[in-house]
Amino acid sequence: MAEARLLDPAERQIGFGNQQAAIDLAQRMPSLVVAAKEAASSLMHGMHGRRRAGLGETFWQFRPFVSGESTSRIDWRRSARDEHIYVREREWEAAHAVWIWMDRSISMAFTSSLAMQSKLERAIVLGFAAADLLVRGGERVGALGLTQPLASRTIVERFAEAMLVADRTGKTTEAELPPAAALAPRTRVVLLSDFLNEPSAIASTMQAISARGARGHLVMIADPVEETFPFKGHTEFRDVDSTATLRVGQAESFRADYIRRLAEHRAAIADAARAHGWSVALHRTDRPASEALLALRTRLESGFEHQRAN
């Protein structure tokens, strides 16, 4: 019989800003970094790059300052409004880059005895590994909402540090979707999440991000228990976002309806993705991270080849 649970508070505090969260994250981050680099190293051959540089005057966004950056990039006027330091990004820095967003909301803390990792940890490993792989191929990669696009060989450490800084400064978020802001034309976006929120909200986010021509890839991360619904007999289900519970006497009687509704949910997301020129891939946490990374690499390379041809 499979067992399912949420990570306890000390385990899931990636994205829940407080002092203890920062300590817990700092303790766990090295193992996630190592796992990401191992996955990327196994697939690093064959990536094709397209480094570009340029200048621009169009304002893009403010983001938190990351240790190691030049202080000349700091926008002191914006930083003076509160106790945090911000960098002003210009549009060329966001153009022709790959942005990666890793869902760190509470639903990602779900894990079962059938999984190799929690959805939360798998999203971070895949996000870090994809960034490392892309930089090795000559791309510039940014963590959406955390860093500018970078072409640094230490991209994994920079992403990890940015997460830690965001957690310590209370700038993390429990949002289940990334900011719904238009990204630059020809930009690629990778969103890693379980995508269990409303398909209409996901579609709206894709539409907003794609408004200026950006295209993306959804990596849908699922625990095997969420796929198979192996529950039997008296079972209590708890909502991760509230105190609501559901007690049933014959859980197995819900299986067919659950699987049908899950399929319909995913079909709606896939339809919305196709309408915006995006792709969707399903990845289960009982499978190696390298499988999802290989599929993602193939999709990204295909997109880059299409851009070069045009």
C-alpha atoms as a PDB file:
ATOM      1  CA  MET A   1       0.000   0.000   0.000  1.00  0.00           C
ATOM      2  CA  ALA A   2       1.484   3.344  -1.021  1.00  0.00           C
ATOM      3  CA  GLU A   3       1.831   6.044   1.624  1.00  0.00           C
ATOM      4  CA  ALA A   4       1.451   9.722   0.768  1.00  0.00           C
ATOM      5  CA  ARG A   5       2.220  12.847   2.752  1.00  0.00           C
ATOM      6  CA  LEU A   6       3.237  16.479   2.590  1.00  0.00           C
ATOM      7  CA  LEU A   7       6.812  17.309   3.438  1.00  0.00           C
ATOM      8  CA  ASP A   8       6.868  18.554   7.007  1.00  0.00           C
ATOM      9  CA  PRO A   9       7.482  22.284   7.547  1.00  0.00           C
ATOM     10  CA  ALA A  10      11.227  21.849   8.013  1.00  0.00           C
ATOM     11  CA  GLU A  11      11.472  19.979   4.704  1.00  0.00           C
ATOM     12  CA  ARG A  12       9.288  22.097   2.462  1.00  0.00           C
ATOM     13  CA  GLN A  13      10.437  25.599   3.308  1.00  0.00           C
ATOM     14  CA  ILE A  14      11.812  26.380  -0.132  1.00  0.00           C
ATOM     15  CA  GLY A  15       9.588  29.296  -0.907  1.00  0.00           C
ATOM     16  CA  PHE A  16       8.214  29.991   2.591  1.00  0.00           C
ATOM     17  CA  GLY A  17      10.201  32.963   3.792  1.00  0.00           C
ATOM     18  CA  ASN A  18      11.432  32.936   7.372  1.00  0.00           C
ATOM     19  CA  GLN A  19      14.745  32.481   9.163  1.00  0.00           C
ATOM     20  CA  GLN A  20      14.326  28.768   9.841  1.00  0.00           C
ATOM     21  CA  ALA A  21      13.308  28.258   6.218  1.00  0.00           C
ATOM     22  CA  ALA A  22      16.583  29.774   5.059  1.00  0.00           C
ATOM     23  CA  ILE A  23      18.533  27.468   7.390  1.00  0.00           C
ATOM     24  CA  ASP A  24      16.644  24.380   6.222  1.00  0.00           C
ATOM     25  CA  LEU A  25      17.077  25.323   2.580  1.00  0.00           C
ATOM     26  CA  ALA A  26      20.785  26.016   3.014  1.00  0.00           C
ATOM     27  CA  GLN A  27      21.245  22.553   4.538  1.00  0.00           C
ATOM     28  CA  ARG A  28      19.430  20.766   1.709  1.00  0.00           C
ATOM     29  CA  MET A  29      20.614  22.852  -1.215  1.00  0.00           C
ATOM     30  CA  PRO A  30      24.059  21.184  -1.678  1.00  0.00           C
ATOM     31  CA  SER A  31      22.503  17.783  -2.381  1.00  0.00           C
ATOM     32  CA  LEU A  32      20.079  19.320  -4.899  1.00  0.00           C
ATOM     33  CA  VAL A  33      22.933  21.146  -6.614  1.00  0.00           C
ATOM     34  CA  VAL A  34      24.952  17.921  -6.875  1.00  0.00           C
ATOM     35  CA  ALA A  35      21.973  16.004  -8.262  1.00  0.00           C
ATOM     36  CA  ALA A  36      21.337  18.717 -10.852  1.00  0.00           C
ATOM     37  CA  LYS A  37      24.948  18.783 -12.019  1.00  0.00           C
ATOM     38  CA  GLU A  38      25.079  15.015 -12.306  1.00  0.00           C
ATOM     39  CA  ALA A  39      21.936  14.990 -14.441  1.00  0.00           C
ATOM     40  CA  ALA A  40      23.250  17.785 -16.666  1.00  0.00           C
ATOM     41  CA  SER A  41      26.688  16.197 -17.082  1.00  0.00           C
ATOM     42  CA  SER A  42      25.145  12.990 -18.388  1.00  0.00           C
ATOM     43  CA  LEU A  43      23.421  14.901 -21.189  1.00  0.00           C
ATOM     44  CA  MET A  44      25.724  17.837 -21.904  1.00  0.00           C
ATOM     45  CA  HIS A  45      26.984  16.684 -25.312  1.00  0.00           C
ATOM     46  CA  GLY A  46      25.250  17.947 -28.414  1.00  0.00           C
ATOM     47  CA  MET A  47      23.850  21.234 -27.176  1.00  0.00           C
ATOM     48  CA  HIS A  48      24.105  24.076 -29.699  1.00  0.00           C
ATOM     49  CA  GLY A  49      24.620  27.642 -28.553  1.00  0.00           C
ATOM     50  CA  ARG A  50      23.888  31.081 -29.927  1.00  0.00           C
ATOM     51  CA  ARG A  51      25.593  33.600 -27.644  1.00  0.00           C
ATOM     52  CA  ARG A  52      24.540  37.157 -28.353  1.00  0.00           C
ATOM     53  CA  ALA A  53      25.389  40.429 -26.709  1.00  0.00           C
ATOM     54  CA  GLY A  54      23.929  43.888 -27.060  1.00  0.00           C
ATOM     55  CA  LEU A  55      22.869  47.127 -25.483  1.00  0.00           C
ATOM     56  CA  GLY A  56      19.447  48.545 -24.874  1.00  0.00           C
ATOM     57  CA  GLU A  57      17.652  51.383 -23.161  1.00  0.00           C
ATOM     58  CA  THR A  58      14.188  49.911 -22.643  1.00  0.00           C
ATOM     59  CA  PHE A  59      13.435  49.212 -18.991  1.00  0.00           C
ATOM     60  CA  TRP A  60      12.550  45.559 -18.306  1.00  0.00           C
ATOM     61  CA  GLN A  61      12.099  44.958 -14.585  1.00  0.00           C
ATOM     62  CA  PHE A  62      13.505  45.324 -11.095  1.00  0.00           C
ATOM     63  CA  ARG A  63      14.848  42.223  -9.396  1.00  0.00           C
ATOM     64  CA  PRO A  64      16.773  41.527  -6.145  1.00  0.00           C
ATOM     65  CA  PHE A  65      20.538  42.102  -6.211  1.00  0.00           C
ATOM     66  CA  VAL A  66      22.545  38.856  -6.101  1.00  0.00           C
ATOM     67  CA  SER A  67      25.920  38.637  -4.361  1.00  0.00           C
ATOM     68  CA  GLY A  68      28.782  38.681  -6.859  1.00  0.00           C
ATOM     69  CA  GLU A  69      27.192  41.132  -9.298  1.00  0.00           C
ATOM     70  CA  SER A  70      28.703  44.522 -10.012  1.00  0.00           C
ATOM     71  CA  THR A  71      27.319  47.201  -7.682  1.00  0.00           C
ATOM     72  CA  SER A  72      27.104  49.504 -10.706  1.00  0.00           C
ATOM     73  CA  ARG A  73      23.949  47.629 -11.679  1.00  0.00           C
ATOM     74  CA  ILE A  74      22.103  48.616  -8.482  1.00  0.00           C
ATOM     75  CA  ASP A  75      19.201  51.032  -8.812  1.00  0.00           C
ATOM     76  CA  TRP A  76      19.684  53.036  -5.627  1.00  0.00           C
ATOM     77  CA  ARG A  77      16.500  55.074  -6.016  1.00  0.00           C
ATOM     78  CA  ARG A  78      14.340  51.937  -6.138  1.00  0.00           C
ATOM     79  CA  SER A  79      16.372  50.300  -3.370  1.00  0.00           C
ATOM     80  CA  ALA A  80      15.842  53.301  -1.090  1.00  0.00           C
ATOM     81  CA  ARG A  81      12.112  52.591  -0.927  1.00  0.00           C
ATOM     82  CA  ASP A  82      12.583  49.594   1.384  1.00  0.00           C
ATOM     83  CA  GLU A  83      15.325  47.576   3.035  1.00  0.00           C
ATOM     84  CA  HIS A  84      16.193  45.436  -0.017  1.00  0.00           C
ATOM     85  CA  ILE A  85      18.622  46.135  -2.855  1.00  0.00           C
ATOM     86  CA  TYR A  86      17.354  45.982  -6.445  1.00  0.00           C
ATOM     87  CA  VAL A  87      18.930  45.832  -9.889  1.00  0.00           C
ATOM     88  CA  ARG A  88      17.388  47.520 -12.932  1.00  0.00           C
ATOM     89  CA  GLU A  89      17.298  45.175 -15.916  1.00  0.00           C
ATOM     90  CA  ARG A  90      17.051  46.422 -19.471  1.00  0.00           C
ATOM     91  CA  GLU A  91      15.222  44.615 -22.225  1.00  0.00           C
ATOM     92  CA  TRP A  92      18.239  43.266 -24.100  1.00  0.00           C
ATOM     93  CA  GLU A  93      19.132  41.233 -21.034  1.00  0.00           C
ATOM     94  CA  ALA A  94      15.821  39.390 -21.246  1.00  0.00           C
ATOM     95  CA  ALA A  95      15.765  38.941 -25.023  1.00  0.00           C
ATOM     96  CA  HIS A  96      16.978  35.783 -26.776  1.00  0.00           C
ATOM     97  CA  ALA A  97      17.371  33.981 -23.492  1.00  0.00           C
ATOM     98  CA  VAL A  98      15.846  31.034 -21.686  1.00  0.00           C
ATOM     99  CA  TRP A  99      13.867  31.723 -18.534  1.00  0.00           C
ATOM    100  CA  ILE A 100      13.236  28.939 -16.016  1.00  0.00           C
ATOM    101  CA  TRP A 101      10.548  29.031 -13.331  1.00  0.00           C
ATOM    102  CA  MET A 102      10.288  26.392 -10.602  1.00  0.00           C
ATOM    103  CA  ASP A 103       7.000  26.102  -8.708  1.00  0.00           C
ATOM    104  CA  ARG A 104       7.682  26.198  -4.963  1.00  0.00           C
ATOM    105  CA  SER A 105       4.081  26.403  -3.771  1.00  0.00           C
ATOM    106  CA  ILE A 106       2.728  24.119  -1.081  1.00  0.00           C
ATOM    107  CA  SER A 107       1.177  21.537  -3.424  1.00  0.00           C
ATOM    108  CA  MET A 108       4.687  20.728  -4.650  1.00  0.00           C
ATOM    109  CA  ALA A 109       5.523  19.463  -1.152  1.00  0.00           C
ATOM    110  CA  PHE A 110       3.420  16.337  -1.758  1.00  0.00           C
ATOM    111  CA  THR A 111       5.347  13.063  -1.884  1.00  0.00           C
ATOM    112  CA  SER A 112       4.616   9.363  -1.593  1.00  0.00           C
ATOM    113  CA  SER A 113       6.525   6.190  -0.792  1.00  0.00           C
ATOM    114  CA  LEU A 114       6.557   5.399  -4.525  1.00  0.00           C
ATOM    115  CA  ALA A 115       8.489   8.543  -5.466  1.00  0.00           C
ATOM    116  CA  MET A 116      12.240   9.051  -5.724  1.00  0.00           C
ATOM    117  CA  GLN A 117      11.881  12.709  -4.656  1.00  0.00           C
ATOM    118  CA  SER A 118       9.153  15.144  -3.747  1.00  0.00           C
ATOM    119  CA  LYS A 119       7.727  17.194  -6.589  1.00  0.00           C
ATOM    120  CA  LEU A 120       9.366  20.254  -5.021  1.00  0.00           C
ATOM    121  CA  GLU A 121      12.848  18.760  -5.017  1.00  0.00           C
ATOM    122  CA  ARG A 122      12.435  17.333  -8.509  1.00  0.00           C
ATOM    123  CA  ALA A 123      11.381  20.722  -9.901  1.00  0.00           C
ATOM    124  CA  ILE A 124      14.488  22.344  -8.428  1.00  0.00           C
ATOM    125  CA  VAL A 125      16.813  19.602  -9.662  1.00  0.00           C
ATOM    126  CA  LEU A 126      15.346  19.798 -13.169  1.00  0.00           C
ATOM    127  CA  GLY A 127      15.454  23.592 -13.202  1.00  0.00           C
ATOM    128  CA  PHE A 128      19.053  23.719 -12.051  1.00  0.00           C
ATOM    129  CA  ALA A 129      20.123  20.917 -14.401  1.00  0.00           C
ATOM    130  CA  ALA A 130      18.430  22.529 -17.396  1.00  0.00           C
ATOM    131  CA  ALA A 131      20.171  25.817 -16.632  1.00  0.00           C
ATOM    132  CA  ASP A 132      23.559  24.111 -16.394  1.00  0.00           C
ATOM    133  CA  LEU A 133      22.982  22.212 -19.624  1.00  0.00           C
ATOM    134  CA  LEU A 134      21.864  25.302 -21.510  1.00  0.00           C
ATOM    135  CA  VAL A 135      24.802  27.413 -20.346  1.00  0.00           C
ATOM    136  CA  ARG A 136      27.182  24.665 -21.414  1.00  0.00           C
ATOM    137  CA  GLY A 137      25.557  24.953 -24.846  1.00  0.00           C
ATOM    138  CA  GLY A 138      26.170  28.697 -25.006  1.00  0.00           C
ATOM    139  CA  GLU A 139      22.770  29.992 -23.924  1.00  0.00           C
ATOM    140  CA  ARG A 140      21.972  32.713 -21.425  1.00  0.00           C
ATOM    141  CA  VAL A 141      19.586  31.501 -18.729  1.00  0.00           C
ATOM    142  CA  GLY A 142      17.654  33.308 -16.011  1.00  0.00           C
ATOM    143  CA  ALA A 143      15.572  32.154 -13.060  1.00  0.00           C
ATOM    144  CA  LEU A 144      12.307  33.995 -13.604  1.00  0.00           C
ATOM    145  CA  GLY A 145      11.847  36.503 -10.799  1.00  0.00           C
ATOM    146  CA  LEU A 146      15.221  35.709  -9.227  1.00  0.00           C
ATOM    147  CA  THR A 147      18.124  36.437 -11.592  1.00  0.00           C
ATOM    148  CA  GLN A 148      18.961  38.092 -14.873  1.00  0.00           C
ATOM    149  CA  PRO A 149      19.859  35.839 -17.823  1.00  0.00           C
ATOM    150  CA  LEU A 150      23.391  34.598 -17.191  1.00  0.00           C
ATOM    151  CA  ALA A 151      25.988  32.704 -19.218  1.00  0.00           C
ATOM    152  CA  SER A 152      28.040  31.711 -16.184  1.00  0.00           C
ATOM    153  CA  ARG A 153      29.563  28.280 -15.678  1.00  0.00           C
ATOM    154  CA  THR A 154      28.481  28.648 -12.053  1.00  0.00           C
ATOM    155  CA  ILE A 155      24.842  29.050 -13.091  1.00  0.00           C
ATOM    156  CA  VAL A 156      23.622  26.335 -10.695  1.00  0.00           C
ATOM    157  CA  GLU A 157      25.321  27.974  -7.723  1.00  0.00           C
ATOM    158  CA  ARG A 158      23.970  31.376  -8.804  1.00  0.00           C
ATOM    159  CA  PHE A 159      20.432  30.013  -8.984  1.00  0.00           C
ATOM    160  CA  ALA A 160      20.841  28.334  -5.589  1.00  0.00           C
ATOM    161  CA  GLU A 161      22.204  31.509  -4.042  1.00  0.00           C
ATOM    162  CA  ALA A 162      19.372  33.566  -5.514  1.00  0.00           C
ATOM    163  CA  MET A 163      16.835  31.201  -3.934  1.00  0.00           C
ATOM    164  CA  LEU A 164      18.561  31.467  -0.579  1.00  0.00           C
ATOM    165  CA  VAL A 165      18.713  35.262  -0.800  1.00  0.00           C
ATOM    166  CA  ALA A 166      15.035  35.437  -1.743  1.00  0.00           C
ATOM    167  CA  ASP A 167      14.122  33.217   1.194  1.00  0.00           C
ATOM    168  CA  ARG A 168      16.202  35.170   3.697  1.00  0.00           C
ATOM    169  CA  THR A 169      14.773  38.502   2.557  1.00  0.00           C
ATOM    170  CA  GLY A 170      11.198  37.251   2.524  1.00  0.00           C
ATOM    171  CA  LYS A 171      10.880  37.777  -1.234  1.00  0.00           C
ATOM    172  CA  THR A 172       9.782  34.238  -1.991  1.00  0.00           C
ATOM    173  CA  THR A 173       6.238  33.497  -3.029  1.00  0.00           C
ATOM    174  CA  GLU A 174       3.711  30.726  -2.695  1.00  0.00           C
ATOM    175  CA  ALA A 175       2.275  31.548  -6.120  1.00  0.00           C
ATOM    176  CA  GLU A 176       1.321  28.484  -8.131  1.00  0.00           C
ATOM    177  CA  LEU A 177       2.089  30.242 -11.433  1.00  0.00           C
ATOM    178  CA  PRO A 178       4.814  32.645 -12.555  1.00  0.00           C
ATOM    179  CA  PRO A 179       4.227  36.382 -13.056  1.00  0.00           C
ATOM    180  CA  ALA A 180       1.879  36.936 -15.978  1.00  0.00           C
ATOM    181  CA  ALA A 181       4.144  39.404 -17.785  1.00  0.00           C
ATOM    182  CA  ALA A 182       5.006  39.474 -21.483  1.00  0.00           C
ATOM    183  CA  LEU A 183       8.540  38.302 -22.232  1.00  0.00           C
ATOM    184  CA  ALA A 184      10.671  39.470 -25.141  1.00  0.00           C
ATOM    185  CA  PRO A 185      10.203  38.066 -28.652  1.00  0.00           C
ATOM    186  CA  ARG A 186      12.085  34.822 -29.407  1.00  0.00           C
ATOM    187  CA  THR A 187      12.525  34.163 -25.695  1.00  0.00           C
ATOM    188  CA  ARG A 188      12.086  30.584 -24.463  1.00  0.00           C
ATOM    189  CA  VAL A 189      10.391  29.811 -21.144  1.00  0.00           C
ATOM    190  CA  VAL A 190      10.441  26.600 -19.106  1.00  0.00           C
ATOM    191  CA  LEU A 191       7.818  26.242 -16.361  1.00  0.00           C
ATOM    192  CA  LEU A 192       8.213  23.351 -13.908  1.00  0.00           C
ATOM    193  CA  SER A 193       5.105  22.628 -11.823  1.00  0.00           C
ATOM    194  CA  ASP A 194       2.411  20.088 -11.073  1.00  0.00           C
ATOM    195  CA  PHE A 195      -0.086  22.427 -12.790  1.00  0.00           C
ATOM    196  CA  LEU A 196      -2.948  21.340 -10.561  1.00  0.00           C
ATOM    197  CA  ASN A 197      -4.548  24.781 -10.596  1.00  0.00           C
ATOM    198  CA  GLU A 198      -7.364  25.797 -12.945  1.00  0.00           C
ATOM    199  CA  PRO A 199      -6.590  25.299 -16.661  1.00  0.00           C
ATOM    200  CA  SER A 200      -8.067  28.739 -17.355  1.00  0.00           C
ATOM    201  CA  ALA A 201      -5.491  30.352 -15.037  1.00  0.00           C
ATOM    202  CA  ILE A 202      -2.678  28.433 -16.724  1.00  0.00           C
ATOM    203  CA  ALA A 203      -3.978  29.472 -20.148  1.00  0.00           C
ATOM    204  CA  SER A 204      -4.131  33.130 -19.066  1.00  0.00           C
ATOM    205  CA  THR A 205      -0.540  32.979 -17.839  1.00  0.00           C
ATOM    206  CA  MET A 206       0.677  31.465 -21.106  1.00  0.00           C
ATOM    207  CA  GLN A 207      -1.222  34.079 -23.068  1.00  0.00           C
ATOM    208  CA  ALA A 208       0.347  36.915 -21.070  1.00  0.00           C
ATOM    209  CA  ILE A 209       3.887  35.543 -21.334  1.00  0.00           C
ATOM    210  CA  SER A 210       3.454  34.921 -25.080  1.00  0.00           C
ATOM    211  CA  ALA A 211       1.990  38.342 -25.863  1.00  0.00           C
ATOM    212  CA  ARG A 212       5.183  39.577 -27.534  1.00  0.00           C
ATOM    213  CA  GLY A 213       6.212  36.308 -29.133  1.00  0.00           C
ATOM    214  CA  ALA A 214       7.859  34.271 -26.372  1.00  0.00           C
ATOM    215  CA  ARG A 215       7.286  30.518 -26.479  1.00  0.00           C
ATOM    216  CA  GLY A 216       7.431  28.010 -23.676  1.00  0.00           C
ATOM    217  CA  HIS A 217       7.462  24.475 -22.399  1.00  0.00           C
ATOM    218  CA  LEU A 218       5.423  23.103 -19.512  1.00  0.00           C
ATOM    219  CA  VAL A 219       7.046  20.273 -17.564  1.00  0.00           C
ATOM    220  CA  MET A 220       4.199  18.727 -15.585  1.00  0.00           C
ATOM    221  CA  ILE A 221       5.621  16.991 -12.505  1.00  0.00           C
ATOM    222  CA  ALA A 222       3.472  14.282 -10.912  1.00  0.00           C
ATOM    223  CA  ASP A 223       3.834  11.875  -8.028  1.00  0.00           C
ATOM    224  CA  PRO A 224       2.988   8.278  -9.017  1.00  0.00           C
ATOM    225  CA  VAL A 225       0.223   8.210  -6.408  1.00  0.00           C
ATOM    226  CA  GLU A 226      -1.416  11.161  -8.167  1.00  0.00           C
ATOM    227  CA  GLU A 227      -1.327   9.148 -11.381  1.00  0.00           C
ATOM    228  CA  THR A 228      -2.651   5.809 -10.150  1.00  0.00           C
ATOM    229  CA  PHE A 229      -4.865   6.648  -7.142  1.00  0.00           C
ATOM    230  CA  PRO A 230      -4.005   3.405  -5.297  1.00  0.00           C
ATOM    231  CA  PHE A 231      -6.121   4.147  -2.214  1.00  0.00           C
ATOM    232  CA  LYS A 232      -8.499   1.551  -0.773  1.00  0.00           C
ATOM    233  CA  GLY A 233     -10.922   1.314   2.101  1.00  0.00           C
ATOM    234  CA  HIS A 234     -11.342   4.034   4.700  1.00  0.00           C
ATOM    235  CA  THR A 235      -9.208   6.973   3.596  1.00  0.00           C
ATOM    236  CA  GLU A 236      -8.941  10.604   4.660  1.00  0.00           C
ATOM    237  CA  PHE A 237      -7.939  13.155   2.019  1.00  0.00           C
ATOM    238  CA  ARG A 238      -6.662  16.566   3.113  1.00  0.00           C
ATOM    239  CA  ASP A 239      -6.559  19.744   1.052  1.00  0.00           C
ATOM    240  CA  VAL A 240      -3.012  21.137   1.026  1.00  0.00           C
ATOM    241  CA  ASP A 241      -4.257  24.726   0.689  1.00  0.00           C
ATOM    242  CA  SER A 242      -6.828  24.691   3.496  1.00  0.00           C
ATOM    243  CA  THR A 243      -8.043  22.714   6.498  1.00  0.00           C
ATOM    244  CA  ALA A 244     -10.677  20.881   4.441  1.00  0.00           C
ATOM    245  CA  THR A 245     -10.769  17.082   4.668  1.00  0.00           C
ATOM    246  CA  LEU A 246     -12.742  14.351   2.933  1.00  0.00           C
ATOM    247  CA  ARG A 247     -13.327  10.955   4.581  1.00  0.00           C
ATOM    248  CA  VAL A 248     -14.522   8.111   2.389  1.00  0.00           C
ATOM    249  CA  GLY A 249     -15.308   4.490   3.173  1.00  0.00           C
ATOM    250  CA  GLN A 250     -14.391   2.893  -0.143  1.00  0.00           C
ATOM    251  CA  ALA A 251     -11.695   5.014  -1.736  1.00  0.00           C
ATOM    252  CA  GLU A 252     -11.276   2.610  -4.620  1.00  0.00           C
ATOM    253  CA  SER A 253     -14.776   3.494  -5.852  1.00  0.00           C
ATOM    254  CA  PHE A 254     -13.502   6.995  -6.708  1.00  0.00           C
ATOM    255  CA  ARG A 255     -10.560   5.796  -8.816  1.00  0.00           C
ATOM    256  CA  ALA A 256     -12.204   5.684 -12.243  1.00  0.00           C
ATOM    257  CA  ASP A 257     -13.788   9.133 -11.849  1.00  0.00           C
ATOM    258  CA  TYR A 258     -10.546  10.584 -10.508  1.00  0.00           C
ATOM    259  CA  ILE A 259      -8.474   9.266 -13.420  1.00  0.00           C
ATOM    260  CA  ARG A 260     -11.053  10.549 -15.909  1.00  0.00           C
ATOM    261  CA  ARG A 261     -11.087  14.033 -14.396  1.00  0.00           C
ATOM    262  CA  LEU A 262      -7.287  14.143 -14.248  1.00  0.00           C
ATOM    263  CA  ALA A 263      -7.130  13.247 -17.951  1.00  0.00           C
ATOM    264  CA  GLU A 264      -9.643  15.974 -18.762  1.00  0.00           C
ATOM    265  CA  HIS A 265      -7.671  18.497 -16.712  1.00  0.00           C
ATOM    266  CA  ARG A 266      -4.454  17.702 -18.550  1.00  0.00           C
ATOM    267  CA  ALA A 267      -6.166  17.688 -21.934  1.00  0.00           C
ATOM    268  CA  ALA A 268      -7.444  21.215 -21.276  1.00  0.00           C
ATOM    269  CA  ILE A 269      -3.917  22.372 -20.402  1.00  0.00           C
ATOM    270  CA  ALA A 270      -2.471  20.679 -23.489  1.00  0.00           C
ATOM    271  CA  ASP A 271      -5.087  22.351 -25.717  1.00  0.00           C
ATOM    272  CA  ALA A 272      -4.249  25.759 -24.259  1.00  0.00           C
ATOM    273  CA  ALA A 273      -0.525  25.124 -24.714  1.00  0.00           C
ATOM    274  CA  ARG A 274      -0.947  24.201 -28.373  1.00  0.00           C
ATOM    275  CA  ALA A 275      -3.061  27.308 -28.957  1.00  0.00           C
ATOM    276  CA  HIS A 276      -0.138  29.455 -27.812  1.00  0.00           C
ATOM    277  CA  GLY A 277       2.593  27.463 -29.527  1.00  0.00           C
ATOM    278  CA  TRP A 278       3.797  25.854 -26.294  1.00  0.00           C
ATOM    279  CA  SER A 279       4.551  22.213 -25.535  1.00  0.00           C
ATOM    280  CA  VAL A 280       3.684  20.017 -22.558  1.00  0.00           C
ATOM    281  CA  ALA A 281       5.569  17.052 -21.117  1.00  0.00           C
ATOM    282  CA  LEU A 282       4.603  14.833 -18.193  1.00  0.00           C
ATOM    283  CA  HIS A 283       7.281  13.655 -15.757  1.00  0.00           C
ATOM    284  CA  ARG A 284       6.697  11.291 -12.836  1.00  0.00           C
ATOM    285  CA  THR A 285       8.837  11.437  -9.726  1.00  0.00           C
ATOM    286  CA  ASP A 286       9.337   7.667  -9.707  1.00  0.00           C
ATOM    287  CA  ARG A 287      11.394   8.083 -12.887  1.00  0.00           C
ATOM    288  CA  PRO A 288      14.976   9.465 -13.131  1.00  0.00           C
ATOM    289  CA  ALA A 289      15.318  13.223 -13.576  1.00  0.00           C
ATOM    290  CA  SER A 290      17.550  12.586 -16.578  1.00  0.00           C
ATOM    291  CA  GLU A 291      14.557  11.324 -18.584  1.00  0.00           C
ATOM    292  CA  ALA A 292      12.712  14.622 -18.270  1.00  0.00           C
ATOM    293  CA  LEU A 293      15.906  16.565 -18.870  1.00  0.00           C
ATOM    294  CA  LEU A 294      16.604  14.705 -22.119  1.00  0.00           C
ATOM    295  CA  ALA A 295      13.084  15.389 -23.397  1.00  0.00           C
ATOM    296  CA  LEU A 296      13.371  19.050 -22.424  1.00  0.00           C
ATOM    297  CA  ARG A 297      16.751  19.389 -24.127  1.00  0.00           C
ATOM    298  CA  THR A 298      15.307  17.969 -27.344  1.00  0.00           C
ATOM    299  CA  ARG A 299      12.396  20.415 -27.285  1.00  0.00           C
ATOM    300  CA  LEU A 300      14.630  23.403 -26.583  1.00  0.00           C
ATOM    301  CA  GLU A 301      17.130  22.481 -29.281  1.00  0.00           C
ATOM    302  CA  SER A 302      14.287  22.148 -31.763  1.00  0.00           C
ATOM    303  CA  GLY A 303      13.128  25.637 -30.842  1.00  0.00           C
ATOM    304  CA  PHE A 304      16.610  27.099 -31.243  1.00  0.00           C
ATOM    305  CA  GLU A 305      17.034  25.507 -34.666  1.00  0.00           C
ATOM    306  CA  HIS A 306      13.700  26.994 -35.736  1.00  0.00           C
ATOM    307  CA  GLN A 307      14.830  30.457 -34.566  1.00  0.00           C
ATOM    308  CA  ARG A 308      18.126  30.216 -36.453  1.00  0.00           C
ATOM    309  CA  ALA A 309      16.294  29.159 -39.610  1.00  0.00           C
ATOM    310  CA  ASN A 310      14.184  32.303 -39.375  1.00  0.00           C
END
